[in-house]
């Protein structure tokens, strides 16, 4: 992995700040195109899931006259649109090699996905949202637990919600563990003793790490698809069938990668 980090030999200190910035940007650009080729299989599945999410948004906005005056749906759609922007930015971050930072964005997705469903289902939360109040994640989760706990058919959504948040929270807090991928220790050196010394700047292209970060991105968009499917009722069944196929393929992919990498 050291070979993928242009400044590992100390050349960062030999450049002017302007030249160092240009080199960081140049390296990131090269990472993007290399990652697109090397991560093509997992990226293709992620992109299909994102495209299916966009299809749901398109369907909703084609019927905008039916809900533009309904505050709950307006708030839910605002969050649904924000989810798309966050997942797109997370996708770019992964291809640029910003793996830890991409995980931060995925938790941002989770926070918006949960609010999308909450606003769709809860008038009080919607009123608080339009009043400009901050609604903490603890409150969001508590309300969703109460709402989804009343409906057996929604238990799977709540279970996905909790699993997604727990997984995201483990790696996004700015504690020492969050710096594992931003500290490249010499062989035999203890990671904790190298924090702040062997810091990795800019993006890093690693097919192994990239693939294991795309997997949480796929999990995030799968969760978003469940929620958007519950908020936007689709009558033909085709969209739900496509979502189920993506979920099935993702499960197969997860099992394969689990056997190859430590996720």
Protein backbone atom coordinates (compact mmCIF):
# COMPACT_ATOMS: atom_id res chain seq x y z
CA UNK A 1 0.00 0.00 0.00
CA UNK A 2 2.97 2.32 0.56
CA UNK A 3 3.56 2.38 -3.19
CA UNK A 4 0.17 4.06 -3.61
CA UNK A 5 1.12 7.02 -1.36
CA UNK A 6 3.20 9.53 -3.27
CA UNK A 7 4.48 11.38 -0.20
CA UNK A 8 5.56 8.29 1.78
CA UNK A 9 9.22 8.98 0.88
CA UNK A 10 9.09 12.44 2.47
CA UNK A 11 8.62 14.33 -0.79
CA UNK A 12 5.72 16.30 0.71
CA UNK A 13 8.22 18.37 2.69
CA UNK A 14 10.34 19.05 -0.37
CA UNK A 15 7.53 20.80 -2.23
CA UNK A 16 6.10 24.27 -1.82
CA UNK A 17 2.60 24.36 -0.29
CA UNK A 18 1.16 25.19 -3.73
CA UNK A 19 3.02 22.35 -5.43
CA UNK A 20 2.01 19.95 -2.65
CA UNK A 21 -1.65 20.86 -3.18
CA UNK A 22 -1.33 20.35 -6.92
CA UNK A 23 0.26 16.95 -6.36
CA UNK A 24 -2.51 15.91 -3.95
CA UNK A 25 -5.16 16.87 -6.50
CA UNK A 26 -3.28 15.17 -9.33
CA UNK A 27 -2.92 11.95 -7.32
CA UNK A 28 -6.61 12.01 -6.38
CA UNK A 29 -7.61 12.38 -10.03
CA UNK A 30 -5.45 9.39 -10.96
CA UNK A 31 -7.00 7.40 -8.11
CA UNK A 32 -10.50 8.08 -9.44
CA UNK A 33 -9.89 6.56 -12.85
CA UNK A 34 -7.88 3.64 -11.49
CA UNK A 35 -10.53 2.84 -8.88
CA UNK A 36 -13.30 2.99 -11.49
CA UNK A 37 -11.55 0.19 -13.39
CA UNK A 38 -10.38 -1.93 -10.46
CA UNK A 39 -13.62 -1.76 -8.48
CA UNK A 40 -15.88 -2.23 -11.49
CA UNK A 41 -17.86 -5.22 -10.14
CA UNK A 42 -18.86 -3.73 -6.80
CA UNK A 43 -19.22 -0.28 -8.33
CA UNK A 44 -21.65 -1.62 -10.94
CA UNK A 45 -23.93 -2.99 -8.23
CA UNK A 46 -23.74 0.26 -6.25
CA UNK A 47 -24.60 2.27 -9.36
CA UNK A 48 -27.58 0.07 -10.18
CA UNK A 49 -28.89 0.61 -6.66
CA UNK A 50 -28.39 4.38 -6.94
CA UNK A 51 -30.12 4.40 -10.33
CA UNK A 52 -33.09 2.55 -8.82
CA UNK A 53 -33.25 5.15 -6.07
CA UNK A 54 -33.25 7.90 -8.70
CA UNK A 55 -36.09 6.09 -10.48
CA UNK A 56 -38.17 6.29 -7.30
CA UNK A 57 -37.43 10.01 -6.97
CA UNK A 58 -38.39 10.57 -10.61
CA UNK A 59 -41.68 8.79 -10.05
CA UNK A 60 -42.43 10.94 -7.03
CA UNK A 61 -41.64 14.22 -8.76
CA UNK A 62 -43.78 13.29 -11.75
CA UNK A 63 -46.67 13.30 -9.28
CA UNK A 64 -45.60 16.44 -7.44
CA UNK A 65 -48.98 18.13 -7.84
CA UNK A 66 -50.48 15.42 -5.65
CA UNK A 67 -48.23 16.13 -2.67
CA UNK A 68 -46.71 19.61 -2.99
CA UNK A 69 -49.25 20.94 -0.45
CA UNK A 70 -48.72 18.08 2.04
CA UNK A 71 -46.10 19.06 4.59
CA UNK A 72 -45.23 15.52 5.64
CA UNK A 73 -44.44 14.44 2.10
CA UNK A 74 -42.60 17.67 1.31
CA UNK A 75 -40.32 17.15 4.32
CA UNK A 76 -39.84 13.48 3.49
CA UNK A 77 -38.92 14.30 -0.11
CA UNK A 78 -36.49 16.98 1.03
CA UNK A 79 -34.65 14.33 3.03
CA UNK A 80 -34.90 11.81 0.18
CA UNK A 81 -33.21 14.27 -2.18
CA UNK A 82 -30.49 15.00 0.35
CA UNK A 83 -29.81 11.27 0.67
CA UNK A 84 -29.07 11.07 -3.05
CA UNK A 85 -26.56 13.93 -2.85
CA UNK A 86 -24.81 12.36 0.13
CA UNK A 87 -24.56 8.92 -1.47
CA UNK A 88 -23.19 10.47 -4.68
CA UNK A 89 -20.57 12.34 -2.68
CA UNK A 90 -19.70 9.15 -0.78
CA UNK A 91 -19.27 7.38 -4.13
CA UNK A 92 -16.87 10.08 -5.32
CA UNK A 93 -14.97 9.91 -2.01
CA UNK A 94 -14.45 6.16 -2.36
CA UNK A 95 -13.12 6.48 -5.90
CA UNK A 96 -10.79 9.29 -4.82
CA UNK A 97 -9.46 7.10 -2.03
CA UNK A 98 -10.97 8.96 0.94
CA UNK A 99 -12.23 5.84 2.65
CA UNK A 100 -12.58 7.01 6.29
CA UNK A 101 -14.24 10.23 5.18
CA UNK A 102 -16.66 8.31 2.95
CA UNK A 103 -17.88 6.47 6.04
CA UNK A 104 -18.71 9.83 7.65
CA UNK A 105 -20.86 10.65 4.64
CA UNK A 106 -22.65 7.31 4.91
CA UNK A 107 -23.71 8.11 8.44
CA UNK A 108 -25.00 11.43 7.12
CA UNK A 109 -27.06 9.36 4.67
CA UNK A 110 -28.43 7.29 7.51
CA UNK A 111 -29.51 10.38 9.45
CA UNK A 112 -31.41 11.67 6.43
CA UNK A 113 -32.94 8.32 5.53
CA UNK A 114 -34.37 7.93 9.02
CA UNK A 115 -35.80 11.45 8.93
CA UNK A 116 -37.32 10.78 5.53
CA UNK A 117 -39.39 7.98 7.00
CA UNK A 118 -40.12 9.84 10.23
CA UNK A 119 -41.48 12.93 8.47
CA UNK A 120 -43.60 10.73 6.22
CA UNK A 121 -45.15 9.07 9.27
CA UNK A 122 -45.14 11.68 12.04
CA UNK A 123 -46.90 15.03 11.84
CA UNK A 124 -45.34 16.41 15.03
CA UNK A 125 -41.79 15.78 13.78
CA UNK A 126 -42.70 17.45 10.49
CA UNK A 127 -43.99 20.55 12.30
CA UNK A 128 -40.79 20.72 14.34
CA UNK A 129 -38.74 20.41 11.16
CA UNK A 130 -40.49 23.31 9.44
CA UNK A 131 -40.26 25.34 12.65
CA UNK A 132 -36.50 25.10 12.31
CA UNK A 133 -36.00 22.89 15.35
CA UNK A 134 -33.09 20.49 15.58
CA UNK A 135 -34.27 16.90 15.93
CA UNK A 136 -31.57 14.75 17.50
CA UNK A 137 -30.88 11.24 16.26
CA UNK A 138 -31.82 9.78 19.64
CA UNK A 139 -35.28 11.35 19.31
CA UNK A 140 -35.59 10.19 15.70
CA UNK A 141 -34.72 6.60 16.62
CA UNK A 142 -37.07 6.61 19.61
CA UNK A 143 -39.97 7.85 17.51
CA UNK A 144 -39.26 5.33 14.77
CA UNK A 145 -39.06 2.53 17.32
CA UNK A 146 -42.51 3.46 18.57
CA UNK A 147 -43.94 3.88 15.07
CA UNK A 148 -42.48 0.74 13.53
CA UNK A 149 -42.99 -1.37 16.64
CA UNK A 150 -46.73 -1.13 16.13
CA UNK A 151 -46.56 -2.73 12.69
CA UNK A 152 -45.09 -6.23 12.33
CA UNK A 153 -44.55 -5.68 8.60
CA UNK A 154 -42.21 -2.77 9.38
CA UNK A 155 -39.98 -4.65 11.83
CA UNK A 156 -37.43 -5.40 9.09
CA UNK A 157 -37.07 -1.67 8.34
CA UNK A 158 -36.43 -0.86 12.00
CA UNK A 159 -33.93 -3.72 12.30
CA UNK A 160 -32.06 -2.42 9.22
CA UNK A 161 -32.15 1.07 10.69
CA UNK A 162 -30.48 0.01 13.94
CA UNK A 163 -27.90 -2.24 12.24
CA UNK A 164 -26.96 0.53 9.83
CA UNK A 165 -26.52 3.12 12.55
CA UNK A 166 -24.47 0.84 14.81
CA UNK A 167 -22.18 -0.06 11.93
CA UNK A 168 -21.70 3.59 10.92
CA UNK A 169 -21.12 4.84 14.46
CA UNK A 170 -18.23 2.45 15.08
CA UNK A 171 -16.02 4.10 12.48
CA UNK A 172 -16.96 7.76 12.30
CA UNK A 173 -16.30 9.15 15.77
CA UNK A 174 -12.95 11.01 15.84
CA UNK A 175 -11.35 8.51 18.20
CA UNK A 176 -8.08 6.70 17.68
CA UNK A 177 -9.69 3.80 15.81
CA UNK A 178 -10.98 6.21 13.17
CA UNK A 179 -7.34 6.91 12.22
CA UNK A 180 -6.43 3.34 11.29
CA UNK A 181 -6.69 4.03 7.55
CA UNK A 182 -5.02 7.41 7.98
CA UNK A 183 -1.92 6.02 9.71
CA UNK A 184 0.43 3.82 7.73
CA UNK A 185 2.88 2.37 10.26
CA UNK A 186 6.16 0.71 9.26
CA UNK A 187 6.06 -3.08 9.55
CA UNK A 188 6.42 -4.20 13.15
CA UNK A 189 5.50 -0.78 14.57
CA UNK A 190 2.52 -0.39 16.89
CA UNK A 191 -0.22 1.60 15.19
CA UNK A 192 -1.02 3.72 18.26
CA UNK A 193 2.60 4.82 18.57
CA UNK A 194 2.58 6.11 15.01
CA UNK A 195 -0.66 8.17 15.14
CA UNK A 196 0.10 11.77 14.22
CA UNK A 197 3.52 10.79 12.85
CA UNK A 198 2.87 8.54 9.84
CA UNK A 199 -0.20 10.43 8.67
CA UNK A 200 -1.56 9.74 5.20
CA UNK A 201 -2.64 12.86 3.31
CA UNK A 202 -5.05 12.90 0.38
CA UNK A 203 -6.62 9.89 -1.26
CA UNK A 204 -5.14 6.40 -1.33
CA UNK A 205 -5.99 3.87 -4.02
CA UNK A 206 -6.35 0.38 -2.61
CA UNK A 207 -8.67 -2.12 -4.28
CA UNK A 208 -8.98 -4.12 -1.06
CA UNK A 209 -9.92 -1.16 1.13
CA UNK A 210 -12.01 0.39 -1.62
CA UNK A 211 -14.13 -2.71 -2.01
CA UNK A 212 -14.75 -3.02 1.73
CA UNK A 213 -15.93 0.61 1.86
CA UNK A 214 -18.20 0.21 -1.17
CA UNK A 215 -19.99 -2.56 0.73
CA UNK A 216 -21.25 -0.20 3.47
CA UNK A 217 -22.26 2.21 0.70
CA UNK A 218 -24.32 -0.56 -0.89
CA UNK A 219 -25.85 -1.35 2.51
CA UNK A 220 -26.75 2.31 2.94
CA UNK A 221 -28.48 2.62 -0.43
CA UNK A 222 -30.29 -0.69 0.17
CA UNK A 223 -31.69 0.78 3.37
CA UNK A 224 -32.60 3.97 1.50
CA UNK A 225 -34.43 1.90 -1.11
CA UNK A 226 -36.48 0.18 1.60
CA UNK A 227 -37.50 3.53 3.03
CA UNK A 228 -38.23 5.26 -0.27
CA UNK A 229 -40.27 2.21 -1.27
CA UNK A 230 -42.36 2.62 1.87
CA UNK A 231 -42.81 6.37 1.37
CA UNK A 232 -43.57 6.23 -2.35
CA UNK A 233 -46.07 3.50 -3.21
CA UNK A 234 -45.28 1.95 -6.61
CA UNK A 235 -48.12 0.04 -8.20
CA UNK A 236 -46.63 -2.20 -10.91
CA UNK A 237 -44.33 -4.24 -8.70
CA UNK A 238 -41.45 -3.92 -11.18
CA UNK A 239 -39.53 -1.47 -9.02
CA UNK A 240 -39.88 -3.70 -5.95
CA UNK A 241 -38.74 -6.67 -8.01
CA UNK A 242 -35.63 -4.78 -9.11
CA UNK A 243 -34.92 -3.81 -5.50
CA UNK A 244 -35.21 -7.42 -4.38
CA UNK A 245 -32.79 -8.57 -7.10
CA UNK A 246 -30.24 -5.96 -6.08
CA UNK A 247 -30.59 -7.05 -2.45
CA UNK A 248 -30.05 -10.69 -3.43
CA UNK A 249 -26.97 -9.88 -5.51
CA UNK A 250 -25.60 -7.73 -2.70
CA UNK A 251 -25.95 -10.60 -0.23
CA UNK A 252 -23.96 -12.86 -2.57
CA UNK A 253 -21.31 -10.18 -3.05
CA UNK A 254 -21.05 -9.59 0.70
CA UNK A 255 -20.41 -13.29 1.33
CA UNK A 256 -17.71 -13.40 -1.33
CA UNK A 257 -15.91 -10.33 -0.06
CA UNK A 258 -16.23 -11.50 3.54
CA UNK A 259 -14.18 -14.54 2.57
CA UNK A 260 -11.49 -12.42 0.92
CA UNK A 261 -11.10 -9.40 3.19
CA UNK A 262 -11.55 -8.36 6.76
CA UNK A 263 -14.50 -5.95 6.56
